[in-house]
């Protein structure tokens, strides 16, 4: 899908809030087609980024981590 979105599960360090936000931003940019939305679309764009980040955080908390590395 988007090569700039890196996997956040089973990293060699705990995932940071910044990494989650960056992945959410890249995802929303990709699916919306906007690198930077217009003023008219800015609120919807940012809301989508925040919601994607929130659900990403919840999903990562629910997934078991891999013990094999």
PDB file of N, CA and C in Angstrom:
ATOM      1  N   UNK A   1       0.825  -1.191   0.000  1.00  0.00           N
ATOM      2  CA  UNK A   1       0.000   0.000   0.000  1.00  0.00           C
ATOM      3  C   UNK A   1       0.868   1.253   0.000  1.00  0.00           C
ATOM      4  N   UNK A   2       1.426   1.625   1.123  1.00  0.00           N
ATOM      5  CA  UNK A   2       2.243   2.832   1.202  1.00  0.00           C
ATOM      6  C   UNK A   2       3.544   2.466   1.891  1.00  0.00           C
ATOM      7  N   UNK A   3       4.609   2.534   1.179  1.00  0.00           N
ATOM      8  CA  UNK A   3       5.892   2.089   1.721  1.00  0.00           C
ATOM      9  C   UNK A   3       6.389   2.929   2.879  1.00  0.00           C
ATOM     10  N   UNK A   4       5.911   4.161   3.006  1.00  0.00           N
ATOM     11  CA  UNK A   4       6.379   5.005   4.101  1.00  0.00           C
ATOM     12  C   UNK A   4       5.677   4.698   5.420  1.00  0.00           C
ATOM     13  N   UNK A   5       4.654   3.843   5.393  1.00  0.00           N
ATOM     14  CA  UNK A   5       4.020   3.411   6.638  1.00  0.00           C
ATOM     15  C   UNK A   5       4.770   2.168   7.104  1.00  0.00           C
ATOM     16  N   UNK A   6       5.469   2.306   8.230  1.00  0.00           N
ATOM     17  CA  UNK A   6       6.249   1.170   8.703  1.00  0.00           C
ATOM     18  C   UNK A   6       5.444   0.331   9.692  1.00  0.00           C
ATOM     19  N   UNK A   7       5.725  -0.971   9.730  1.00  0.00           N
ATOM     20  CA  UNK A   7       5.046  -1.827  10.709  1.00  0.00           C
ATOM     21  C   UNK A   7       5.383  -1.358  12.129  1.00  0.00           C
ATOM     22  N   UNK A   8       4.395  -1.295  12.989  1.00  0.00           N
ATOM     23  CA  UNK A   8       4.609  -0.835  14.360  1.00  0.00           C
ATOM     24  C   UNK A   8       4.588  -1.971  15.374  1.00  0.00           C
ATOM     25  N   UNK A   9       4.192  -3.141  14.953  1.00  0.00           N
ATOM     26  CA  UNK A   9       4.094  -4.284  15.860  1.00  0.00           C
ATOM     27  C   UNK A   9       5.431  -5.012  15.929  1.00  0.00           C
ATOM     28  N   UNK A  10       5.792  -5.449  17.106  1.00  0.00           N
ATOM     29  CA  UNK A  10       7.022  -6.216  17.358  1.00  0.00           C
ATOM     30  C   UNK A  10       8.288  -5.448  16.981  1.00  0.00           C
ATOM     31  N   UNK A  11       8.285  -4.158  17.271  1.00  0.00           N
ATOM     32  CA  UNK A  11       9.492  -3.365  17.050  1.00  0.00           C
ATOM     33  C   UNK A  11      10.486  -3.674  18.152  1.00  0.00           C
ATOM     34  N   UNK A  12      11.733  -3.262  17.965  1.00  0.00           N
ATOM     35  CA  UNK A  12      12.743  -3.531  18.986  1.00  0.00           C
ATOM     36  C   UNK A  12      12.654  -2.548  20.160  1.00  0.00           C
ATOM     37  N   UNK A  13      11.665  -1.682  20.146  1.00  0.00           N
ATOM     38  CA  UNK A  13      11.386  -0.749  21.236  1.00  0.00           C
ATOM     39  C   UNK A  13       9.876  -0.529  21.312  1.00  0.00           C
ATOM     40  N   UNK A  14       9.402  -0.066  22.448  1.00  0.00           N
ATOM     41  CA  UNK A  14       7.970   0.217  22.546  1.00  0.00           C
ATOM     42  C   UNK A  14       7.578   1.303  21.530  1.00  0.00           C
ATOM     43  N   UNK A  15       6.466   1.110  20.882  1.00  0.00           N
ATOM     44  CA  UNK A  15       6.006   2.070  19.881  1.00  0.00           C
ATOM     45  C   UNK A  15       5.684   3.394  20.571  1.00  0.00           C
ATOM     46  N   UNK A  16       6.062   4.483  19.944  1.00  0.00           N
ATOM     47  CA  UNK A  16       5.818   5.802  20.527  1.00  0.00           C
ATOM     48  C   UNK A  16       4.551   6.421  19.948  1.00  0.00           C
ATOM     49  N   UNK A  17       4.039   7.395  20.663  1.00  0.00           N
ATOM     50  CA  UNK A  17       2.864   8.133  20.184  1.00  0.00           C
ATOM     51  C   UNK A  17       3.187   8.821  18.856  1.00  0.00           C
ATOM     52  N   UNK A  18       4.381   9.328  18.731  1.00  0.00           N
ATOM     53  CA  UNK A  18       4.781   9.997  17.486  1.00  0.00           C
ATOM     54  C   UNK A  18       4.764   9.018  16.309  1.00  0.00           C
ATOM     55  N   UNK A  19       5.238   7.794  16.517  1.00  0.00           N
ATOM     56  CA  UNK A  19       5.227   6.792  15.445  1.00  0.00           C
ATOM     57  C   UNK A  19       3.793   6.448  15.032  1.00  0.00           C
ATOM     58  N   UNK A  20       2.903   6.356  16.008  1.00  0.00           N
ATOM     59  CA  UNK A  20       1.499   6.073  15.712  1.00  0.00           C
ATOM     60  C   UNK A  20       0.886   7.228  14.922  1.00  0.00           C
ATOM     61  N   UNK A  21       1.132   8.459  15.351  1.00  0.00           N
ATOM     62  CA  UNK A  21       0.601   9.630  14.650  1.00  0.00           C
ATOM     63  C   UNK A  21       1.143   9.726  13.226  1.00  0.00           C
ATOM     64  N   UNK A  22       2.436   9.458  13.043  1.00  0.00           N
ATOM     65  CA  UNK A  22       3.036   9.525  11.709  1.00  0.00           C
ATOM     66  C   UNK A  22       2.439   8.468  10.778  1.00  0.00           C
ATOM     67  N   UNK A  23       2.222   7.271  11.297  1.00  0.00           N
ATOM     68  CA  UNK A  23       1.616   6.212  10.479  1.00  0.00           C
ATOM     69  C   UNK A  23       0.179   6.581  10.108  1.00  0.00           C
ATOM     70  N   UNK A  24      -0.562   7.135  11.071  1.00  0.00           N
ATOM     71  CA  UNK A  24      -1.943   7.553  10.809  1.00  0.00           C
ATOM     72  C   UNK A  24      -1.982   8.654   9.755  1.00  0.00           C
ATOM     73  N   UNK A  25      -1.079   9.607   9.853  1.00  0.00           N
ATOM     74  CA  UNK A  25      -1.009  10.690   8.878  1.00  0.00           C
ATOM     75  C   UNK A  25      -0.710  10.149   7.481  1.00  0.00           C
ATOM     76  N   UNK A  26       0.238   9.239   7.373  1.00  0.00           N
ATOM     77  CA  UNK A  26       0.577   8.666   6.075  1.00  0.00           C
ATOM     78  C   UNK A  26      -0.613   7.906   5.488  1.00  0.00           C
ATOM     79  N   UNK A  27      -1.303   7.175   6.328  1.00  0.00           N
ATOM     80  CA  UNK A  27      -2.470   6.426   5.860  1.00  0.00           C
ATOM     81  C   UNK A  27      -3.548   7.372   5.319  1.00  0.00           C
ATOM     82  N   UNK A  28      -3.869   8.404   6.087  1.00  0.00           N
ATOM     83  CA  UNK A  28      -4.916   9.340   5.671  1.00  0.00           C
ATOM     84  C   UNK A  28      -4.486  10.086   4.410  1.00  0.00           C
ATOM     85  N   UNK A  29      -3.225  10.452   4.309  1.00  0.00           N
ATOM     86  CA  UNK A  29      -2.731  11.090   3.083  1.00  0.00           C
ATOM     87  C   UNK A  29      -2.941  10.183   1.882  1.00  0.00           C
ATOM     88  N   UNK A  30      -2.625   8.914   2.067  1.00  0.00           N
ATOM     89  CA  UNK A  30      -2.721   7.959   0.959  1.00  0.00           C
ATOM     90  C   UNK A  30      -4.168   7.777   0.508  1.00  0.00           C
ATOM     91  N   UNK A  31      -5.063   7.509   1.449  1.00  0.00           N
ATOM     92  CA  UNK A  31      -6.441   7.209   1.051  1.00  0.00           C
ATOM     93  C   UNK A  31      -7.216   8.452   0.623  1.00  0.00           C
ATOM     94  N   UNK A  32      -6.836   9.630   1.135  1.00  0.00           N
ATOM     95  CA  UNK A  32      -7.543  10.854   0.751  1.00  0.00           C
ATOM     96  C   UNK A  32      -7.002  11.454  -0.541  1.00  0.00           C
ATOM     97  N   UNK A  33      -5.742  11.151  -0.838  1.00  0.00           N
ATOM     98  CA  UNK A  33      -5.118  11.753  -2.014  1.00  0.00           C
ATOM     99  C   UNK A  33      -4.571  13.144  -1.752  1.00  0.00           C
ATOM    100  N   UNK A  34      -4.635  13.591  -0.502  1.00  0.00           N
ATOM    101  CA  UNK A  34      -4.116  14.911  -0.134  1.00  0.00           C
ATOM    102  C   UNK A  34      -2.788  14.789   0.597  1.00  0.00           C
ATOM    103  N   UNK A  35      -1.813  15.534   0.146  1.00  0.00           N
ATOM    104  CA  UNK A  35      -0.575  15.662   0.937  1.00  0.00           C
ATOM    105  C   UNK A  35      -0.848  16.639   2.071  1.00  0.00           C
ATOM    106  N   UNK A  36      -1.495  17.748   1.712  1.00  0.00           N
ATOM    107  CA  UNK A  36      -1.951  18.739   2.680  1.00  0.00           C
ATOM    108  C   UNK A  36      -3.336  19.183   2.219  1.00  0.00           C
ATOM    109  N   UNK A  37      -4.340  18.995   3.055  1.00  0.00           N
ATOM    110  CA  UNK A  37      -5.705  19.329   2.629  1.00  0.00           C
ATOM    111  C   UNK A  37      -5.923  20.837   2.545  1.00  0.00           C
ATOM    112  N   UNK A  38      -6.921  21.227   1.787  1.00  0.00           N
ATOM    113  CA  UNK A  38      -7.317  22.632   1.718  1.00  0.00           C
ATOM    114  C   UNK A  38      -7.931  23.036   3.059  1.00  0.00           C
ATOM    115  N   UNK A  39      -8.094  24.323   3.268  1.00  0.00           N
ATOM    116  CA  UNK A  39      -8.729  24.817   4.508  1.00  0.00           C
ATOM    117  C   UNK A  39     -10.113  24.195   4.692  1.00  0.00           C
ATOM    118  N   UNK A  40     -10.841  24.022   3.591  1.00  0.00           N
ATOM    119  CA  UNK A  40     -12.198  23.454   3.658  1.00  0.00           C
ATOM    120  C   UNK A  40     -12.186  22.008   4.138  1.00  0.00           C
ATOM    121  N   UNK A  41     -11.105  21.285   3.879  1.00  0.00           N
ATOM    122  CA  UNK A  41     -11.021  19.862   4.239  1.00  0.00           C
ATOM    123  C   UNK A  41     -10.120  19.596   5.439  1.00  0.00           C
ATOM    124  N   UNK A  42      -9.508  20.624   5.974  1.00  0.00           N
ATOM    125  CA  UNK A  42      -8.521  20.450   7.043  1.00  0.00           C
ATOM    126  C   UNK A  42      -9.100  19.793   8.298  1.00  0.00           C
ATOM    127  N   UNK A  43     -10.283  20.216   8.718  1.00  0.00           N
ATOM    128  CA  UNK A  43     -10.881  19.657   9.937  1.00  0.00           C
ATOM    129  C   UNK A  43     -11.185  18.169   9.770  1.00  0.00           C
ATOM    130  N   UNK A  44     -11.780  17.792   8.653  1.00  0.00           N
ATOM    131  CA  UNK A  44     -12.098  16.380   8.399  1.00  0.00           C
ATOM    132  C   UNK A  44     -10.814  15.553   8.301  1.00  0.00           C
ATOM    133  N   UNK A  45      -9.803  16.102   7.666  1.00  0.00           N
ATOM    134  CA  UNK A  45      -8.513  15.418   7.506  1.00  0.00           C
ATOM    135  C   UNK A  45      -7.890  15.148   8.880  1.00  0.00           C
ATOM    136  N   UNK A  46      -7.823  16.172   9.724  1.00  0.00           N
ATOM    137  CA  UNK A  46      -7.202  16.018  11.044  1.00  0.00           C
ATOM    138  C   UNK A  46      -8.014  15.080  11.927  1.00  0.00           C
ATOM    139  N   UNK A  47      -9.333  15.143  11.823  1.00  0.00           N
ATOM    140  CA  UNK A  47     -10.176  14.230  12.599  1.00  0.00           C
ATOM    141  C   UNK A  47      -9.907  12.785  12.183  1.00  0.00           C
ATOM    142  N   UNK A  48      -9.753  12.562  10.895  1.00  0.00           N
ATOM    143  CA  UNK A  48      -9.453  11.219  10.404  1.00  0.00           C
ATOM    144  C   UNK A  48      -8.104  10.742  10.927  1.00  0.00           C
ATOM    145  N   UNK A  49      -7.099  11.608  10.912  1.00  0.00           N
ATOM    146  CA  UNK A  49      -5.771  11.243  11.433  1.00  0.00           C
ATOM    147  C   UNK A  49      -5.891  10.845  12.901  1.00  0.00           C
ATOM    148  N   UNK A  50      -6.598  11.634  13.681  1.00  0.00           N
ATOM    149  CA  UNK A  50      -6.746  11.340  15.114  1.00  0.00           C
ATOM    150  C   UNK A  50      -7.492  10.033  15.355  1.00  0.00           C
ATOM    151  N   UNK A  51      -8.529   9.780  14.582  1.00  0.00           N
ATOM    152  CA  UNK A  51      -9.295   8.545  14.753  1.00  0.00           C
ATOM    153  C   UNK A  51      -8.491   7.322  14.322  1.00  0.00           C
ATOM    154  N   UNK A  52      -7.743   7.436  13.234  1.00  0.00           N
ATOM    155  CA  UNK A  52      -6.895   6.319  12.790  1.00  0.00           C
ATOM    156  C   UNK A  52      -5.819   6.051  13.844  1.00  0.00           C
ATOM    157  N   UNK A  53      -5.235   7.094  14.403  1.00  0.00           N
ATOM    158  CA  UNK A  53      -4.220   6.916  15.444  1.00  0.00           C
ATOM    159  C   UNK A  53      -4.816   6.224  16.669  1.00  0.00           C
ATOM    160  N   UNK A  54      -6.010   6.628  17.056  1.00  0.00           N
ATOM    161  CA  UNK A  54      -6.657   6.036  18.227  1.00  0.00           C
ATOM    162  C   UNK A  54      -6.934   4.545  18.022  1.00  0.00           C
ATOM    163  N   UNK A  55      -7.496   4.186  16.893  1.00  0.00           N
ATOM    164  CA  UNK A  55      -7.809   2.778  16.645  1.00  0.00           C
ATOM    165  C   UNK A  55      -6.524   1.968  16.459  1.00  0.00           C
ATOM    166  N   UNK A  56      -5.477   2.580  15.924  1.00  0.00           N
ATOM    167  CA  UNK A  56      -4.184   1.905  15.789  1.00  0.00           C
ATOM    168  C   UNK A  56      -3.617   1.588  17.170  1.00  0.00           C
ATOM    169  N   UNK A  57      -3.668   2.560  18.050  1.00  0.00           N
ATOM    170  CA  UNK A  57      -3.184   2.372  19.420  1.00  0.00           C
ATOM    171  C   UNK A  57      -3.930   1.225  20.105  1.00  0.00           C
ATOM    172  N   UNK A  58      -5.259   1.228  19.981  1.00  0.00           N
ATOM    173  CA  UNK A  58      -6.077   0.168  20.589  1.00  0.00           C
ATOM    174  C   UNK A  58      -5.744  -1.198  20.009  1.00  0.00           C
ATOM    175  N   UNK A  59      -5.583  -1.264  18.690  1.00  0.00           N
ATOM    176  CA  UNK A  59      -5.266  -2.533  18.043  1.00  0.00           C
ATOM    177  C   UNK A  59      -3.919  -3.058  18.531  1.00  0.00           C
ATOM    178  N   UNK A  60      -2.911  -2.187  18.604  1.00  0.00           N
ATOM    179  CA  UNK A  60      -1.589  -2.626  19.044  1.00  0.00           C
ATOM    180  C   UNK A  60      -1.615  -3.138  20.484  1.00  0.00           C
ATOM    181  N   UNK A  61      -2.451  -2.538  21.316  1.00  0.00           N
ATOM    182  CA  UNK A  61      -2.585  -2.988  22.704  1.00  0.00           C
ATOM    183  C   UNK A  61      -3.215  -4.375  22.767  1.00  0.00           C
ATOM    184  N   UNK A  62      -4.092  -4.694  21.839  1.00  0.00           N
ATOM    185  CA  UNK A  62      -4.812  -5.971  21.849  1.00  0.00           C
ATOM    186  C   UNK A  62      -4.025  -7.119  21.209  1.00  0.00           C
ATOM    187  N   UNK A  63      -3.119  -6.808  20.298  1.00  0.00           N
ATOM    188  CA  UNK A  63      -2.389  -7.859  19.591  1.00  0.00           C
ATOM    189  C   UNK A  63      -1.274  -8.435  20.471  1.00  0.00           C
ATOM    190  N   UNK A  64      -1.143  -9.751  20.481  1.00  0.00           N
ATOM    191  CA  UNK A  64      -0.019 -10.319  21.232  1.00  0.00           C
ATOM    192  C   UNK A  64       1.297 -10.000  20.517  1.00  0.00           C
ATOM    193  N   UNK A  65       2.349  -9.868  21.288  1.00  0.00           N
ATOM    194  CA  UNK A  65       3.651  -9.623  20.673  1.00  0.00           C
ATOM    195  C   UNK A  65       4.317 -10.953  20.371  1.00  0.00           C
ATOM    196  N   UNK A  66       5.140 -10.932  19.367  1.00  0.00           N
ATOM    197  CA  UNK A  66       5.867 -12.148  18.986  1.00  0.00           C
ATOM    198  C   UNK A  66       7.074 -12.321  19.884  1.00  0.00           C
ATOM    199  N   UNK A  67       7.273 -13.509  20.368  1.00  0.00           N
ATOM    200  CA  UNK A  67       8.423 -13.819  21.202  1.00  0.00           C
ATOM    201  C   UNK A  67       9.629 -14.235  20.367  1.00  0.00           C
ATOM    202  N   UNK A  68       9.371 -14.704  19.173  1.00  0.00           N
ATOM    203  CA  UNK A  68      10.467 -15.155  18.303  1.00  0.00           C
ATOM    204  C   UNK A  68      11.012 -13.977  17.519  1.00  0.00           C
ATOM    205  N   UNK A  69      12.288 -13.777  17.597  1.00  0.00           N
ATOM    206  CA  UNK A  69      12.975 -12.720  16.861  1.00  0.00           C
ATOM    207  C   UNK A  69      14.293 -13.208  16.371  1.00  0.00           C
TER     208      UNK A  69
END
